[in-house]
Protein backbone atom coordinates (compact mmCIF):
# COMPACT_ATOMS: atom_id res chain seq x y z
CA UNK A 1 0.00 0.00 0.00
CA UNK A 2 2.76 2.42 0.85
CA UNK A 3 4.41 1.77 -2.52
CA UNK A 4 1.16 2.54 -4.35
CA UNK A 5 0.65 5.75 -2.37
CA UNK A 6 4.29 6.78 -2.96
CA UNK A 7 3.86 6.37 -6.73
CA UNK A 8 0.84 8.67 -6.65
CA UNK A 9 2.76 11.10 -4.45
CA UNK A 10 5.77 11.02 -6.78
CA UNK A 11 3.55 12.35 -9.60
CA UNK A 12 2.78 15.35 -7.43
CA UNK A 13 -0.84 14.35 -6.80
CA UNK A 14 -0.74 14.77 -3.02
CA UNK A 15 -4.50 15.20 -2.61
CA UNK A 16 -5.18 12.07 -4.65
CA UNK A 17 -2.72 10.10 -2.53
CA UNK A 18 -4.50 11.33 0.58
CA UNK A 19 -7.91 10.34 -0.82
CA UNK A 20 -6.61 6.92 -1.83
CA UNK A 21 -5.29 6.48 1.71
CA UNK A 22 -8.78 7.30 2.98
CA UNK A 23 -10.22 4.60 0.71
CA UNK A 24 -7.69 2.10 2.08
CA UNK A 25 -8.62 3.17 5.60
CA UNK A 26 -12.35 2.64 4.98
CA UNK A 27 -11.64 -0.74 3.45
CA UNK A 28 -9.62 -1.84 6.46
CA UNK A 29 -12.23 -0.57 8.91
CA UNK A 30 -14.89 -2.59 7.07
CA UNK A 31 -12.65 -5.68 7.04
CA UNK A 32 -12.11 -5.32 10.80
CA UNK A 33 -15.85 -4.89 11.37
CA UNK A 34 -16.73 -8.12 9.53
CA UNK A 35 -13.85 -10.03 11.12
CA UNK A 36 -11.64 -10.51 8.06
CA UNK A 37 -8.74 -8.37 9.34
CA UNK A 38 -7.35 -7.88 12.83
CA UNK A 39 -5.86 -4.38 12.54
CA UNK A 40 -5.49 -1.41 10.22
CA UNK A 41 -1.94 -1.60 8.90
CA UNK A 42 -2.28 1.76 7.17
CA UNK A 43 -2.76 3.52 10.50
CA UNK A 44 0.91 3.03 11.34
CA UNK A 45 1.93 4.65 8.02
CA UNK A 46 0.19 7.99 8.67
CA UNK A 47 3.36 10.11 8.89
CA UNK A 48 5.09 8.45 5.93
CA UNK A 49 3.42 10.58 3.23
CA UNK A 50 3.86 14.26 2.45
CA UNK A 51 1.23 16.56 3.89
CA UNK A 52 -1.20 18.42 1.66
CA UNK A 53 -1.80 22.12 2.05
CA UNK A 54 -4.35 22.75 4.78
CA UNK A 55 -6.29 25.93 5.27
CA UNK A 56 -7.81 28.39 2.89
CA UNK A 57 -6.66 29.28 -0.56
CA UNK A 58 -5.67 32.88 -1.36
CA UNK A 59 -8.51 35.06 -2.58
CA UNK A 60 -9.00 35.71 -6.26
CA UNK A 61 -8.11 39.27 -7.25
CA UNK A 62 -10.40 41.25 -9.53
CA UNK A 63 -7.75 41.60 -12.26
CA UNK A 64 -7.48 37.79 -12.45
CA UNK A 65 -11.11 37.36 -13.45
CA UNK A 66 -10.43 37.84 -17.17
CA UNK A 67 -7.99 34.91 -17.27
CA UNK A 68 -10.73 32.57 -16.02
CA UNK A 69 -13.01 33.21 -18.97
CA UNK A 70 -12.35 32.59 -22.65
CA UNK A 71 -13.42 35.52 -24.83
PDB file of N, CA and C in Angstrom:
ATOM      1  N   UNK A   1       0.810  -1.184   0.000  1.00  0.00           N
ATOM      2  CA  UNK A   1       0.000   0.000   0.000  1.00  0.00           C
ATOM      3  C   UNK A   1       0.860   1.258   0.000  1.00  0.00           C
ATOM      4  N   UNK A   2       1.892   1.245   0.803  1.00  0.00           N
ATOM      5  CA  UNK A   2       2.760   2.421   0.846  1.00  0.00           C
ATOM      6  C   UNK A   2       3.417   2.666  -0.502  1.00  0.00           C
ATOM      7  N   UNK A   3       3.796   1.602  -1.196  1.00  0.00           N
ATOM      8  CA  UNK A   3       4.406   1.769  -2.523  1.00  0.00           C
ATOM      9  C   UNK A   3       3.428   2.412  -3.499  1.00  0.00           C
ATOM     10  N   UNK A   4       2.174   1.972  -3.464  1.00  0.00           N
ATOM     11  CA  UNK A   4       1.162   2.541  -4.355  1.00  0.00           C
ATOM     12  C   UNK A   4       0.935   4.019  -4.039  1.00  0.00           C
ATOM     13  N   UNK A   5       0.854   4.353  -2.759  1.00  0.00           N
ATOM     14  CA  UNK A   5       0.654   5.754  -2.374  1.00  0.00           C
ATOM     15  C   UNK A   5       1.870   6.604  -2.715  1.00  0.00           C
ATOM     16  N   UNK A   6       3.059   6.037  -2.604  1.00  0.00           N
ATOM     17  CA  UNK A   6       4.288   6.780  -2.955  1.00  0.00           C
ATOM     18  C   UNK A   6       4.338   7.073  -4.450  1.00  0.00           C
ATOM     19  N   UNK A   7       3.867   6.137  -5.287  1.00  0.00           N
ATOM     20  CA  UNK A   7       3.857   6.372  -6.732  1.00  0.00           C
ATOM     21  C   UNK A   7       2.924   7.531  -7.077  1.00  0.00           C
ATOM     22  N   UNK A   8       1.772   7.567  -6.426  1.00  0.00           N
ATOM     23  CA  UNK A   8       0.840   8.674  -6.655  1.00  0.00           C
ATOM     24  C   UNK A   8       1.467   9.977  -6.182  1.00  0.00           C
ATOM     25  N   UNK A   9       2.115   9.921  -5.030  1.00  0.00           N
ATOM     26  CA  UNK A   9       2.759  11.096  -4.451  1.00  0.00           C
ATOM     27  C   UNK A   9       3.906  11.594  -5.327  1.00  0.00           C
ATOM     28  N   UNK A  10       4.634  10.668  -5.928  1.00  0.00           N
ATOM     29  CA  UNK A  10       5.770  11.019  -6.780  1.00  0.00           C
ATOM     30  C   UNK A  10       5.322  11.833  -7.998  1.00  0.00           C
ATOM     31  N   UNK A  11       4.096  11.585  -8.480  1.00  0.00           N
ATOM     32  CA  UNK A  11       3.553  12.347  -9.604  1.00  0.00           C
ATOM     33  C   UNK A  11       3.164  13.761  -9.204  1.00  0.00           C
ATOM     34  N   UNK A  12       3.162  14.029  -7.902  1.00  0.00           N
ATOM     35  CA  UNK A  12       2.780  15.353  -7.435  1.00  0.00           C
ATOM     36  C   UNK A  12       1.304  15.468  -7.085  1.00  0.00           C
ATOM     37  N   UNK A  13       0.593  14.357  -7.105  1.00  0.00           N
ATOM     38  CA  UNK A  13      -0.839  14.351  -6.801  1.00  0.00           C
ATOM     39  C   UNK A  13      -1.046  14.033  -5.318  1.00  0.00           C
ATOM     40  N   UNK A  14      -0.692  14.996  -4.462  1.00  0.00           N
ATOM     41  CA  UNK A  14      -0.740  14.765  -3.019  1.00  0.00           C
ATOM     42  C   UNK A  14      -2.166  14.569  -2.516  1.00  0.00           C
ATOM     43  N   UNK A  15      -3.107  15.339  -3.047  1.00  0.00           N
ATOM     44  CA  UNK A  15      -4.498  15.201  -2.607  1.00  0.00           C
ATOM     45  C   UNK A  15      -5.065  13.856  -3.014  1.00  0.00           C
ATOM     46  N   UNK A  16      -4.699  13.382  -4.205  1.00  0.00           N
ATOM     47  CA  UNK A  16      -5.175  12.075  -4.652  1.00  0.00           C
ATOM     48  C   UNK A  16      -4.592  10.966  -3.785  1.00  0.00           C
ATOM     49  N   UNK A  17      -3.337  11.093  -3.410  1.00  0.00           N
ATOM     50  CA  UNK A  17      -2.718  10.096  -2.533  1.00  0.00           C
ATOM     51  C   UNK A  17      -3.421  10.080  -1.179  1.00  0.00           C
ATOM     52  N   UNK A  18      -3.783  11.260  -0.689  1.00  0.00           N
ATOM     53  CA  UNK A  18      -4.500  11.330   0.582  1.00  0.00           C
ATOM     54  C   UNK A  18      -5.879  10.684   0.474  1.00  0.00           C
ATOM     55  N   UNK A  19      -6.588  10.949  -0.626  1.00  0.00           N
ATOM     56  CA  UNK A  19      -7.912  10.339  -0.818  1.00  0.00           C
ATOM     57  C   UNK A  19      -7.813   8.827  -0.965  1.00  0.00           C
ATOM     58  N   UNK A  20      -6.786   8.368  -1.670  1.00  0.00           N
ATOM     59  CA  UNK A  20      -6.606   6.923  -1.826  1.00  0.00           C
ATOM     60  C   UNK A  20      -6.300   6.284  -0.472  1.00  0.00           C
ATOM     61  N   UNK A  21      -5.541   6.969   0.360  1.00  0.00           N
ATOM     62  CA  UNK A  21      -5.290   6.481   1.710  1.00  0.00           C
ATOM     63  C   UNK A  21      -6.576   6.394   2.518  1.00  0.00           C
ATOM     64  N   UNK A  22      -7.488   7.347   2.305  1.00  0.00           N
ATOM     65  CA  UNK A  22      -8.785   7.302   2.981  1.00  0.00           C
ATOM     66  C   UNK A  22      -9.603   6.105   2.519  1.00  0.00           C
ATOM     67  N   UNK A  23      -9.516   5.779   1.223  1.00  0.00           N
ATOM     68  CA  UNK A  23     -10.224   4.602   0.705  1.00  0.00           C
ATOM     69  C   UNK A  23      -9.653   3.332   1.333  1.00  0.00           C
ATOM     70  N   UNK A  24      -8.325   3.248   1.419  1.00  0.00           N
ATOM     71  CA  UNK A  24      -7.695   2.100   2.076  1.00  0.00           C
ATOM     72  C   UNK A  24      -8.150   1.999   3.528  1.00  0.00           C
ATOM     73  N   UNK A  25      -8.215   3.141   4.201  1.00  0.00           N
ATOM     74  CA  UNK A  25      -8.618   3.170   5.604  1.00  0.00           C
ATOM     75  C   UNK A  25     -10.043   2.651   5.770  1.00  0.00           C
ATOM     76  N   UNK A  26     -10.961   3.109   4.917  1.00  0.00           N
ATOM     77  CA  UNK A  26     -12.347   2.641   4.980  1.00  0.00           C
ATOM     78  C   UNK A  26     -12.438   1.149   4.721  1.00  0.00           C
ATOM     79  N   UNK A  27     -11.638   0.677   3.769  1.00  0.00           N
ATOM     80  CA  UNK A  27     -11.642  -0.743   3.446  1.00  0.00           C
ATOM     81  C   UNK A  27     -11.177  -1.570   4.637  1.00  0.00           C
ATOM     82  N   UNK A  28     -10.121  -1.117   5.296  1.00  0.00           N
ATOM     83  CA  UNK A  28      -9.617  -1.841   6.463  1.00  0.00           C
ATOM     84  C   UNK A  28     -10.607  -1.797   7.623  1.00  0.00           C
ATOM     85  N   UNK A  29     -11.254  -0.659   7.829  1.00  0.00           N
ATOM     86  CA  UNK A  29     -12.235  -0.569   8.911  1.00  0.00           C
ATOM     87  C   UNK A  29     -13.395  -1.526   8.662  1.00  0.00           C
ATOM     88  N   UNK A  30     -13.820  -1.652   7.405  1.00  0.00           N
ATOM     89  CA  UNK A  30     -14.886  -2.588   7.074  1.00  0.00           C
ATOM     90  C   UNK A  30     -14.423  -4.030   7.286  1.00  0.00           C
ATOM     91  N   UNK A  31     -13.188  -4.326   6.865  1.00  0.00           N
ATOM     92  CA  UNK A  31     -12.646  -5.676   7.040  1.00  0.00           C
ATOM     93  C   UNK A  31     -12.533  -6.042   8.520  1.00  0.00           C
ATOM     94  N   UNK A  32     -12.178  -5.075   9.349  1.00  0.00           N
ATOM     95  CA  UNK A  32     -12.107  -5.324  10.796  1.00  0.00           C
ATOM     96  C   UNK A  32     -13.509  -5.551  11.345  1.00  0.00           C
ATOM     97  N   UNK A  33     -14.484  -4.779  10.870  1.00  0.00           N
ATOM     98  CA  UNK A  33     -15.855  -4.891  11.367  1.00  0.00           C
ATOM     99  C   UNK A  33     -16.470  -6.249  11.055  1.00  0.00           C
ATOM    100  N   UNK A  34     -16.144  -6.822   9.883  1.00  0.00           N
ATOM    101  CA  UNK A  34     -16.732  -8.120   9.534  1.00  0.00           C
ATOM    102  C   UNK A  34     -15.853  -9.286   9.967  1.00  0.00           C
ATOM    103  N   UNK A  35     -14.698  -8.980  10.562  1.00  0.00           N
ATOM    104  CA  UNK A  35     -13.854 -10.030  11.117  1.00  0.00           C
ATOM    105  C   UNK A  35     -12.835 -10.620  10.173  1.00  0.00           C
ATOM    106  N   UNK A  36     -12.603 -10.001   9.041  1.00  0.00           N
ATOM    107  CA  UNK A  36     -11.640 -10.512   8.064  1.00  0.00           C
ATOM    108  C   UNK A  36     -10.209 -10.091   8.426  1.00  0.00           C
ATOM    109  N   UNK A  37     -10.069  -8.883   8.971  1.00  0.00           N
ATOM    110  CA  UNK A  37      -8.742  -8.367   9.343  1.00  0.00           C
ATOM    111  C   UNK A  37      -8.706  -8.099  10.848  1.00  0.00           C
ATOM    112  N   UNK A  38      -7.505  -8.121  11.399  1.00  0.00           N
ATOM    113  CA  UNK A  38      -7.347  -7.884  12.831  1.00  0.00           C
ATOM    114  C   UNK A  38      -7.008  -6.433  13.154  1.00  0.00           C
ATOM    115  N   UNK A  39      -6.250  -5.764  12.273  1.00  0.00           N
ATOM    116  CA  UNK A  39      -5.862  -4.381  12.540  1.00  0.00           C
ATOM    117  C   UNK A  39      -5.718  -3.616  11.229  1.00  0.00           C
ATOM    118  N   UNK A  40      -5.654  -2.305  11.362  1.00  0.00           N
ATOM    119  CA  UNK A  40      -5.492  -1.409  10.216  1.00  0.00           C
ATOM    120  C   UNK A  40      -4.002  -1.130  10.052  1.00  0.00           C
ATOM    121  N   UNK A  41      -3.385  -1.781   9.086  1.00  0.00           N
ATOM    122  CA  UNK A  41      -1.941  -1.604   8.898  1.00  0.00           C
ATOM    123  C   UNK A  41      -1.589  -0.234   8.333  1.00  0.00           C
ATOM    124  N   UNK A  42      -2.537   0.440   7.717  1.00  0.00           N
ATOM    125  CA  UNK A  42      -2.282   1.764   7.166  1.00  0.00           C
ATOM    126  C   UNK A  42      -2.177   2.819   8.268  1.00  0.00           C
ATOM    127  N   UNK A  43      -2.788   2.549   9.402  1.00  0.00           N
ATOM    128  CA  UNK A  43      -2.762   3.520  10.505  1.00  0.00           C
ATOM    129  C   UNK A  43      -1.331   3.811  10.956  1.00  0.00           C
ATOM    130  N   UNK A  44      -0.470   2.821  10.912  1.00  0.00           N
ATOM    131  CA  UNK A  44       0.914   3.025  11.336  1.00  0.00           C
ATOM    132  C   UNK A  44       1.742   3.778  10.295  1.00  0.00           C
ATOM    133  N   UNK A  45       1.208   3.961   9.092  1.00  0.00           N
ATOM    134  CA  UNK A  45       1.927   4.650   8.017  1.00  0.00           C
ATOM    135  C   UNK A  45       1.515   6.112   7.876  1.00  0.00           C
ATOM    136  N   UNK A  46       0.746   6.648   8.794  1.00  0.00           N
ATOM    137  CA  UNK A  46       0.190   7.993   8.670  1.00  0.00           C
ATOM    138  C   UNK A  46       1.235   9.071   8.415  1.00  0.00           C
ATOM    139  N   UNK A  47       2.362   9.057   9.059  1.00  0.00           N
ATOM    140  CA  UNK A  47       3.357  10.111   8.893  1.00  0.00           C
ATOM    141  C   UNK A  47       4.309   9.884   7.741  1.00  0.00           C
ATOM    142  N   UNK A  48       4.141   8.795   6.987  1.00  0.00           N
ATOM    143  CA  UNK A  48       5.086   8.448   5.931  1.00  0.00           C
ATOM    144  C   UNK A  48       4.886   9.268   4.657  1.00  0.00           C
ATOM    145  N   UNK A  49       3.707   9.821   4.454  1.00  0.00           N
ATOM    146  CA  UNK A  49       3.421  10.576   3.231  1.00  0.00           C
ATOM    147  C   UNK A  49       3.569  12.067   3.465  1.00  0.00           C
ATOM    148  N   UNK A  50       3.787  12.812   2.372  1.00  0.00           N
ATOM    149  CA  UNK A  50       3.860  14.263   2.449  1.00  0.00           C
ATOM    150  C   UNK A  50       2.482  14.817   2.800  1.00  0.00           C
ATOM    151  N   UNK A  51       2.477  15.938   3.489  1.00  0.00           N
ATOM    152  CA  UNK A  51       1.231  16.565   3.886  1.00  0.00           C
ATOM    153  C   UNK A  51       0.721  17.473   2.774  1.00  0.00           C
ATOM    154  N   UNK A  52      -0.592  17.496   2.612  1.00  0.00           N
ATOM    155  CA  UNK A  52      -1.200  18.416   1.660  1.00  0.00           C
ATOM    156  C   UNK A  52      -1.355  19.772   2.328  1.00  0.00           C
ATOM    157  N   UNK A  53      -1.622  20.783   1.523  1.00  0.00           N
ATOM    158  CA  UNK A  53      -1.805  22.125   2.054  1.00  0.00           C
ATOM    159  C   UNK A  53      -3.149  22.198   2.775  1.00  0.00           C
ATOM    160  N   UNK A  54      -3.125  22.573   4.009  1.00  0.00           N
ATOM    161  CA  UNK A  54      -4.354  22.750   4.780  1.00  0.00           C
ATOM    162  C   UNK A  54      -4.657  24.223   4.914  1.00  0.00           C
ATOM    163  N   UNK A  55      -5.903  24.541   5.090  1.00  0.00           N
ATOM    164  CA  UNK A  55      -6.288  25.933   5.271  1.00  0.00           C
ATOM    165  C   UNK A  55      -6.990  26.468   4.038  1.00  0.00           C
ATOM    166  N   UNK A  56      -7.089  27.760   3.988  1.00  0.00           N
ATOM    167  CA  UNK A  56      -7.810  28.391   2.892  1.00  0.00           C
ATOM    168  C   UNK A  56      -6.860  28.753   1.761  1.00  0.00           C
ATOM    169  N   UNK A  57      -7.424  28.869   0.613  1.00  0.00           N
ATOM    170  CA  UNK A  57      -6.663  29.281  -0.561  1.00  0.00           C
ATOM    171  C   UNK A  57      -6.665  30.814  -0.612  1.00  0.00           C
ATOM    172  N   UNK A  58      -5.671  31.426  -1.260  1.00  0.00           N
ATOM    173  CA  UNK A  58      -5.668  32.884  -1.359  1.00  0.00           C
ATOM    174  C   UNK A  58      -6.858  33.370  -2.193  1.00  0.00           C
ATOM    175  N   UNK A  59      -7.329  34.554  -1.883  1.00  0.00           N
ATOM    176  CA  UNK A  59      -8.510  35.060  -2.585  1.00  0.00           C
ATOM    177  C   UNK A  59      -8.165  35.427  -4.019  1.00  0.00           C
ATOM    178  N   UNK A  60      -9.150  35.384  -4.859  1.00  0.00           N
ATOM    179  CA  UNK A  60      -9.000  35.715  -6.260  1.00  0.00           C
ATOM    180  C   UNK A  60      -9.104  37.226  -6.426  1.00  0.00           C
ATOM    181  N   UNK A  61      -8.124  37.820  -7.027  1.00  0.00           N
ATOM    182  CA  UNK A  61      -8.110  39.266  -7.247  1.00  0.00           C
ATOM    183  C   UNK A  61      -8.949  39.620  -8.470  1.00  0.00           C
ATOM    184  N   UNK A  62      -9.508  40.810  -8.462  1.00  0.00           N
ATOM    185  CA  UNK A  62     -10.403  41.249  -9.534  1.00  0.00           C
ATOM    186  C   UNK A  62      -9.714  41.213 -10.903  1.00  0.00           C
ATOM    187  N   UNK A  63      -8.444  41.569 -10.966  1.00  0.00           N
ATOM    188  CA  UNK A  63      -7.754  41.597 -12.264  1.00  0.00           C
ATOM    189  C   UNK A  63      -7.508  40.189 -12.815  1.00  0.00           C
ATOM    190  N   UNK A  64      -7.667  39.170 -11.995  1.00  0.00           N
ATOM    191  CA  UNK A  64      -7.481  37.791 -12.448  1.00  0.00           C
ATOM    192  C   UNK A  64      -8.740  37.197 -13.059  1.00  0.00           C
ATOM    193  N   UNK A  65      -9.854  37.886 -12.939  1.00  0.00           N
ATOM    194  CA  UNK A  65     -11.114  37.358 -13.450  1.00  0.00           C
ATOM    195  C   UNK A  65     -11.063  37.083 -14.951  1.00  0.00           C
ATOM    196  N   UNK A  66     -10.454  37.985 -15.719  1.00  0.00           N
ATOM    197  CA  UNK A  66     -10.432  37.842 -17.174  1.00  0.00           C
ATOM    198  C   UNK A  66      -9.738  36.552 -17.605  1.00  0.00           C
ATOM    199  N   UNK A  67      -8.713  36.120 -16.874  1.00  0.00           N
ATOM    200  CA  UNK A  67      -7.989  34.913 -17.266  1.00  0.00           C
ATOM    201  C   UNK A  67      -8.809  33.651 -17.042  1.00  0.00           C
ATOM    202  N   UNK A  68      -9.884  33.739 -16.265  1.00  0.00           N
ATOM    203  CA  UNK A  68     -10.728  32.574 -16.024  1.00  0.00           C
ATOM    204  C   UNK A  68     -11.686  32.302 -17.170  1.00  0.00           C
ATOM    205  N   UNK A  69     -12.015  33.332 -17.916  1.00  0.00           N
ATOM    206  CA  UNK A  69     -13.012  33.208 -18.971  1.00  0.00           C
ATOM    207  C   UNK A  69     -12.350  33.305 -20.348  1.00  0.00           C
ATOM    208  N   UNK A  70     -12.857  32.541 -21.283  1.00  0.00           N
ATOM    209  CA  UNK A  70     -12.351  32.586 -22.652  1.00  0.00           C
ATOM    210  C   UNK A  70     -13.254  33.524 -23.442  1.00  0.00           C
ATOM    211  N   UNK A  71     -12.657  34.538 -24.038  1.00  0.00           N
ATOM    212  CA  UNK A  71     -13.417  35.519 -24.830  1.00  0.00           C
ATOM    213  C   UNK A  71     -13.146  35.327 -26.286  1.00  0.00           C
TER     214      UNK A  71
END
